[in-house]
Amino acid sequence: MQESGEMYLETMLILEHEKQKYRAIDIVDKMGFSKPSVSRAMSILRDDLCIAVDDGGYIQLTEKGRSIAERIYERHKVLTSLLVNIGVPEGIASQDACKIEHDISDESFDAIKTHINTFLKN
């Protein structure tokens, strides 16, 4: 999946935590993208079986979409925490984590997560 699709799914997971029910317009507002861009992304994610949209226009993550969103969101939280803990201001840490979370290998991320967990236990 492309980075943009992952970002949309992560945003939907966050919206789900904030609002429970949301529509494409909520994604427009949250991400600051145009309605046509969000509409196109929703179509692709629906075709990829990552989301379902009901008759009222409410969006729901499928099992596949939720799995991707949760993986990316976990990376975002862990990487943000790591950067903050080494002295990066939170806003910058969050922005940088957003860039890194899509490109980092599973092996490197798992090593970072293990290191953080070990560090926090000491």
N, C-alpha and C. Protein backbone atom coordinates (compact mmCIF):
# COMPACT_ATOMS: atom_id res chain seq x y z
N MET A 1 0.84 -1.18 0.00
CA MET A 1 0.00 0.00 0.00
C MET A 1 0.88 1.24 0.00
N GLN A 2 0.43 2.24 -0.71
CA GLN A 2 1.18 3.49 -0.77
C GLN A 2 1.04 4.29 0.52
N GLU A 3 2.00 5.16 0.73
CA GLU A 3 2.02 5.99 1.93
C GLU A 3 0.73 6.78 2.11
N SER A 4 0.18 7.32 1.02
CA SER A 4 -1.03 8.13 1.14
C SER A 4 -2.20 7.30 1.65
N GLY A 5 -2.31 6.06 1.19
CA GLY A 5 -3.37 5.18 1.67
C GLY A 5 -3.22 4.89 3.14
N GLU A 6 -1.98 4.67 3.57
CA GLU A 6 -1.72 4.44 4.99
C GLU A 6 -2.10 5.65 5.83
N MET A 7 -1.81 6.83 5.30
CA MET A 7 -2.14 8.06 6.04
C MET A 7 -3.66 8.22 6.18
N TYR A 8 -4.39 7.91 5.11
CA TYR A 8 -5.84 7.99 5.19
C TYR A 8 -6.38 7.00 6.23
N LEU A 9 -5.88 5.78 6.21
CA LEU A 9 -6.36 4.76 7.15
C LEU A 9 -6.03 5.15 8.58
N GLU A 10 -4.84 5.68 8.80
CA GLU A 10 -4.45 6.13 10.14
C GLU A 10 -5.38 7.25 10.60
N THR A 11 -5.69 8.18 9.72
CA THR A 11 -6.59 9.28 10.05
C THR A 11 -7.98 8.75 10.40
N MET A 12 -8.44 7.76 9.66
CA MET A 12 -9.76 7.18 9.96
C MET A 12 -9.77 6.51 11.32
N LEU A 13 -8.69 5.84 11.68
CA LEU A 13 -8.60 5.22 13.00
C LEU A 13 -8.68 6.29 14.09
N ILE A 14 -7.97 7.38 13.89
CA ILE A 14 -8.00 8.48 14.86
C ILE A 14 -9.41 9.08 14.94
N LEU A 15 -10.04 9.29 13.79
CA LEU A 15 -11.42 9.82 13.78
C LEU A 15 -12.38 8.87 14.49
N GLU A 16 -12.18 7.59 14.31
CA GLU A 16 -13.02 6.59 14.96
C GLU A 16 -12.93 6.72 16.48
N HIS A 17 -11.73 7.00 16.97
CA HIS A 17 -11.53 7.18 18.41
C HIS A 17 -12.17 8.48 18.89
N GLU A 18 -12.15 9.49 18.04
CA GLU A 18 -12.70 10.80 18.41
C GLU A 18 -14.22 10.87 18.27
N LYS A 19 -14.74 10.31 17.19
CA LYS A 19 -16.15 10.54 16.86
C LYS A 19 -16.98 9.27 16.76
N GLN A 20 -16.37 8.13 16.65
CA GLN A 20 -17.00 6.85 16.41
C GLN A 20 -17.59 6.76 15.00
N LYS A 21 -18.44 7.71 14.60
CA LYS A 21 -19.00 7.70 13.25
C LYS A 21 -18.48 8.93 12.51
N TYR A 22 -18.03 8.70 11.29
CA TYR A 22 -17.46 9.81 10.51
C TYR A 22 -17.73 9.57 9.03
N ARG A 23 -17.66 10.67 8.30
CA ARG A 23 -17.86 10.65 6.85
C ARG A 23 -16.63 11.23 6.18
N ALA A 24 -16.66 11.21 4.86
CA ALA A 24 -15.53 11.73 4.08
C ALA A 24 -15.24 13.19 4.42
N ILE A 25 -16.27 13.99 4.69
CA ILE A 25 -16.08 15.41 5.00
C ILE A 25 -15.25 15.58 6.28
N ASP A 26 -15.38 14.64 7.21
CA ASP A 26 -14.57 14.68 8.44
C ASP A 26 -13.10 14.43 8.12
N ILE A 27 -12.85 13.59 7.13
CA ILE A 27 -11.47 13.34 6.69
C ILE A 27 -10.92 14.57 6.00
N VAL A 28 -11.75 15.22 5.18
CA VAL A 28 -11.36 16.48 4.53
C VAL A 28 -10.92 17.48 5.60
N ASP A 29 -11.74 17.64 6.62
CA ASP A 29 -11.44 18.60 7.68
C ASP A 29 -10.18 18.23 8.47
N LYS A 30 -10.02 16.96 8.77
CA LYS A 30 -8.91 16.49 9.59
C LYS A 30 -7.57 16.59 8.85
N MET A 31 -7.59 16.23 7.58
CA MET A 31 -6.34 16.17 6.81
C MET A 31 -6.05 17.45 6.03
N GLY A 32 -7.09 18.26 5.82
CA GLY A 32 -6.91 19.49 5.06
C GLY A 32 -6.77 19.26 3.56
N PHE A 33 -7.27 18.13 3.08
CA PHE A 33 -7.22 17.82 1.66
C PHE A 33 -8.53 18.25 1.01
N SER A 34 -8.53 18.34 -0.31
CA SER A 34 -9.75 18.73 -1.03
C SER A 34 -10.75 17.57 -1.05
N LYS A 35 -12.01 17.92 -1.23
CA LYS A 35 -13.06 16.90 -1.31
C LYS A 35 -12.80 15.92 -2.46
N PRO A 36 -12.41 16.39 -3.65
CA PRO A 36 -12.14 15.44 -4.73
C PRO A 36 -10.98 14.48 -4.41
N SER A 37 -9.95 14.97 -3.74
CA SER A 37 -8.82 14.10 -3.37
C SER A 37 -9.26 13.02 -2.39
N VAL A 38 -10.05 13.41 -1.41
CA VAL A 38 -10.53 12.45 -0.42
C VAL A 38 -11.49 11.47 -1.08
N SER A 39 -12.35 11.94 -1.94
CA SER A 39 -13.29 11.07 -2.65
C SER A 39 -12.54 10.01 -3.46
N ARG A 40 -11.51 10.43 -4.15
CA ARG A 40 -10.70 9.50 -4.95
C ARG A 40 -10.03 8.47 -4.05
N ALA A 41 -9.48 8.92 -2.94
CA ALA A 41 -8.82 8.00 -2.01
C ALA A 41 -9.82 7.01 -1.43
N MET A 42 -11.03 7.47 -1.09
CA MET A 42 -12.05 6.58 -0.54
C MET A 42 -12.41 5.50 -1.56
N SER A 43 -12.49 5.88 -2.80
CA SER A 43 -12.81 4.92 -3.87
C SER A 43 -11.73 3.85 -3.96
N ILE A 44 -10.49 4.26 -3.91
CA ILE A 44 -9.38 3.30 -3.99
C ILE A 44 -9.37 2.38 -2.77
N LEU A 45 -9.56 2.96 -1.58
CA LEU A 45 -9.57 2.15 -0.35
C LEU A 45 -10.76 1.20 -0.30
N ARG A 46 -11.87 1.63 -0.86
CA ARG A 46 -13.05 0.75 -0.94
C ARG A 46 -12.76 -0.41 -1.91
N ASP A 47 -12.16 -0.10 -3.06
CA ASP A 47 -11.80 -1.14 -4.04
C ASP A 47 -10.77 -2.11 -3.47
N ASP A 48 -9.89 -1.61 -2.60
CA ASP A 48 -8.87 -2.45 -1.97
C ASP A 48 -9.41 -3.20 -0.75
N LEU A 49 -10.70 -3.04 -0.48
CA LEU A 49 -11.38 -3.70 0.64
C LEU A 49 -10.82 -3.29 2.01
N CYS A 50 -10.38 -2.03 2.09
CA CYS A 50 -9.87 -1.49 3.36
C CYS A 50 -10.95 -0.74 4.13
N ILE A 51 -11.98 -0.28 3.43
CA ILE A 51 -13.09 0.43 4.08
C ILE A 51 -14.41 -0.02 3.48
N ALA A 52 -15.45 0.24 4.23
CA ALA A 52 -16.82 0.06 3.74
C ALA A 52 -17.56 1.36 4.03
N VAL A 53 -18.48 1.72 3.15
CA VAL A 53 -19.26 2.94 3.32
C VAL A 53 -20.73 2.55 3.30
N ASP A 54 -21.48 2.95 4.34
CA ASP A 54 -22.89 2.59 4.39
C ASP A 54 -23.75 3.58 3.60
N ASP A 55 -25.04 3.34 3.56
CA ASP A 55 -25.96 4.17 2.78
C ASP A 55 -25.99 5.62 3.26
N GLY A 56 -25.65 5.85 4.52
CA GLY A 56 -25.63 7.20 5.06
C GLY A 56 -24.31 7.92 4.82
N GLY A 57 -23.37 7.25 4.16
CA GLY A 57 -22.08 7.85 3.87
C GLY A 57 -21.06 7.68 4.99
N TYR A 58 -21.43 6.92 6.02
CA TYR A 58 -20.50 6.70 7.12
C TYR A 58 -19.48 5.63 6.74
N ILE A 59 -18.24 5.88 7.10
CA ILE A 59 -17.13 5.02 6.73
C ILE A 59 -16.77 4.12 7.90
N GLN A 60 -16.40 2.90 7.56
CA GLN A 60 -15.98 1.95 8.57
C GLN A 60 -14.76 1.20 8.05
N LEU A 61 -13.77 1.05 8.88
CA LEU A 61 -12.59 0.28 8.52
C LEU A 61 -12.95 -1.21 8.47
N THR A 62 -12.48 -1.90 7.46
CA THR A 62 -12.62 -3.35 7.41
C THR A 62 -11.51 -3.95 8.26
N GLU A 63 -11.52 -5.24 8.42
CA GLU A 63 -10.45 -5.90 9.18
C GLU A 63 -9.09 -5.60 8.55
N LYS A 64 -9.02 -5.66 7.23
CA LYS A 64 -7.77 -5.35 6.52
C LYS A 64 -7.35 -3.90 6.76
N GLY A 65 -8.28 -2.97 6.62
CA GLY A 65 -7.97 -1.56 6.81
C GLY A 65 -7.57 -1.25 8.23
N ARG A 66 -8.25 -1.86 9.18
CA ARG A 66 -7.95 -1.63 10.60
C ARG A 66 -6.55 -2.15 10.93
N SER A 67 -6.19 -3.29 10.39
CA SER A 67 -4.86 -3.86 10.63
C SER A 67 -3.76 -2.92 10.15
N ILE A 68 -3.92 -2.39 8.96
CA ILE A 68 -2.94 -1.44 8.41
C ILE A 68 -2.91 -0.17 9.26
N ALA A 69 -4.09 0.37 9.58
CA ALA A 69 -4.17 1.61 10.36
C ALA A 69 -3.53 1.46 11.73
N GLU A 70 -3.80 0.36 12.39
CA GLU A 70 -3.24 0.15 13.72
C GLU A 70 -1.72 -0.02 13.68
N ARG A 71 -1.22 -0.67 12.65
CA ARG A 71 0.23 -0.83 12.49
C ARG A 71 0.90 0.53 12.31
N ILE A 72 0.34 1.36 11.45
CA ILE A 72 0.92 2.68 11.19
C ILE A 72 0.79 3.58 12.42
N TYR A 73 -0.37 3.53 13.08
CA TYR A 73 -0.58 4.38 14.25
C TYR A 73 0.36 3.99 15.39
N GLU A 74 0.60 2.69 15.57
CA GLU A 74 1.54 2.24 16.60
C GLU A 74 2.94 2.79 16.28
N ARG A 75 3.34 2.70 15.03
CA ARG A 75 4.64 3.23 14.63
C ARG A 75 4.71 4.73 14.94
N HIS A 76 3.64 5.44 14.62
CA HIS A 76 3.62 6.88 14.86
C HIS A 76 3.83 7.19 16.35
N LYS A 77 3.08 6.51 17.19
CA LYS A 77 3.17 6.76 18.63
C LYS A 77 4.55 6.41 19.19
N VAL A 78 5.08 5.26 18.80
CA VAL A 78 6.37 4.81 19.32
C VAL A 78 7.49 5.74 18.84
N LEU A 79 7.48 6.07 17.55
CA LEU A 79 8.53 6.93 17.01
C LEU A 79 8.45 8.35 17.58
N THR A 80 7.23 8.86 17.75
CA THR A 80 7.07 10.17 18.37
C THR A 80 7.63 10.15 19.79
N SER A 81 7.29 9.13 20.53
CA SER A 81 7.77 8.99 21.91
C SER A 81 9.29 8.93 21.96
N LEU A 82 9.89 8.16 21.06
CA LEU A 82 11.35 8.06 21.02
C LEU A 82 11.98 9.42 20.76
N LEU A 83 11.47 10.13 19.77
CA LEU A 83 12.03 11.43 19.42
C LEU A 83 11.86 12.45 20.55
N VAL A 84 10.71 12.44 21.19
CA VAL A 84 10.48 13.35 22.32
C VAL A 84 11.45 13.03 23.46
N ASN A 85 11.65 11.74 23.70
CA ASN A 85 12.53 11.33 24.80
C ASN A 85 13.99 11.66 24.55
N ILE A 86 14.38 11.89 23.30
CA ILE A 86 15.77 12.29 23.05
C ILE A 86 15.89 13.80 22.85
N GLY A 87 14.79 14.52 23.14
CA GLY A 87 14.88 15.97 23.18
C GLY A 87 14.26 16.74 22.03
N VAL A 88 13.59 16.06 21.12
CA VAL A 88 12.94 16.74 20.00
C VAL A 88 11.60 17.31 20.49
N PRO A 89 11.30 18.57 20.20
CA PRO A 89 10.00 19.13 20.60
C PRO A 89 8.85 18.28 20.03
N GLU A 90 7.78 18.15 20.80
CA GLU A 90 6.70 17.22 20.45
C GLU A 90 6.11 17.43 19.05
N GLY A 91 5.88 18.68 18.67
CA GLY A 91 5.30 18.95 17.35
C GLY A 91 6.20 18.48 16.22
N ILE A 92 7.48 18.75 16.36
CA ILE A 92 8.44 18.32 15.35
C ILE A 92 8.58 16.80 15.38
N ALA A 93 8.60 16.23 16.57
CA ALA A 93 8.70 14.78 16.71
C ALA A 93 7.54 14.08 16.01
N SER A 94 6.35 14.60 16.17
CA SER A 94 5.17 14.02 15.53
C SER A 94 5.26 14.13 14.01
N GLN A 95 5.70 15.28 13.52
CA GLN A 95 5.85 15.46 12.07
C GLN A 95 6.90 14.51 11.51
N ASP A 96 8.03 14.39 12.19
CA ASP A 96 9.09 13.51 11.73
C ASP A 96 8.66 12.05 11.80
N ALA A 97 7.97 11.68 12.87
CA ALA A 97 7.48 10.30 13.01
C ALA A 97 6.55 9.96 11.85
N CYS A 98 5.75 10.92 11.43
CA CYS A 98 4.82 10.71 10.31
C CYS A 98 5.58 10.40 9.03
N LYS A 99 6.74 10.99 8.86
CA LYS A 99 7.56 10.73 7.68
C LYS A 99 8.23 9.36 7.77
N ILE A 100 8.72 9.03 8.95
CA ILE A 100 9.48 7.79 9.15
C ILE A 100 8.57 6.56 9.15
N GLU A 101 7.39 6.67 9.73
CA GLU A 101 6.53 5.51 9.98
C GLU A 101 6.18 4.72 8.72
N HIS A 102 6.20 5.36 7.58
CA HIS A 102 5.81 4.69 6.34
C HIS A 102 6.98 3.99 5.66
N ASP A 103 8.19 4.38 6.00
CA ASP A 103 9.37 3.87 5.30
C ASP A 103 10.23 2.90 6.10
N ILE A 104 10.12 2.95 7.40
CA ILE A 104 10.98 2.12 8.25
C ILE A 104 10.62 0.64 8.08
N SER A 105 11.64 -0.20 8.06
CA SER A 105 11.40 -1.64 7.93
C SER A 105 10.79 -2.19 9.21
N ASP A 106 10.14 -3.33 9.10
CA ASP A 106 9.59 -3.99 10.28
C ASP A 106 10.70 -4.34 11.26
N GLU A 107 11.85 -4.78 10.73
CA GLU A 107 12.97 -5.17 11.58
C GLU A 107 13.49 -3.98 12.39
N SER A 108 13.69 -2.87 11.73
CA SER A 108 14.18 -1.68 12.44
C SER A 108 13.17 -1.18 13.46
N PHE A 109 11.90 -1.17 13.08
CA PHE A 109 10.87 -0.72 14.02
C PHE A 109 10.81 -1.63 15.23
N ASP A 110 10.85 -2.95 15.00
CA ASP A 110 10.80 -3.89 16.13
C ASP A 110 12.00 -3.70 17.05
N ALA A 111 13.18 -3.43 16.48
CA ALA A 111 14.37 -3.19 17.29
C ALA A 111 14.22 -1.92 18.12
N ILE A 112 13.67 -0.88 17.52
CA ILE A 112 13.43 0.38 18.26
C ILE A 112 12.44 0.14 19.40
N LYS A 113 11.38 -0.55 19.09
CA LYS A 113 10.35 -0.83 20.11
C LYS A 113 10.94 -1.65 21.26
N THR A 114 11.74 -2.66 20.94
CA THR A 114 12.39 -3.49 21.97
C THR A 114 13.33 -2.63 22.81
N HIS A 115 14.09 -1.77 22.16
CA HIS A 115 15.02 -0.90 22.88
C HIS A 115 14.27 0.04 23.83
N ILE A 116 13.20 0.62 23.33
CA ILE A 116 12.40 1.54 24.17
C ILE A 116 11.84 0.79 25.38
N ASN A 117 11.29 -0.39 25.14
CA ASN A 117 10.71 -1.18 26.24
C ASN A 117 11.77 -1.55 27.27
N THR A 118 12.98 -1.89 26.82
CA THR A 118 14.07 -2.20 27.72
C THR A 118 14.49 -0.96 28.51
N PHE A 119 14.59 0.16 27.81
CA PHE A 119 14.97 1.43 28.43
C PHE A 119 13.96 1.86 29.49
N LEU A 120 12.69 1.70 29.22
CA LEU A 120 11.65 2.10 30.16
C LEU A 120 11.60 1.23 31.40
N LYS A 121 12.05 -0.03 31.26
CA LYS A 121 12.06 -0.94 32.42
C LYS A 121 13.19 -0.60 33.39
N ASN A 122 14.24 0.04 32.90
CA ASN A 122 15.41 0.36 33.74
C ASN A 122 15.23 1.67 34.46
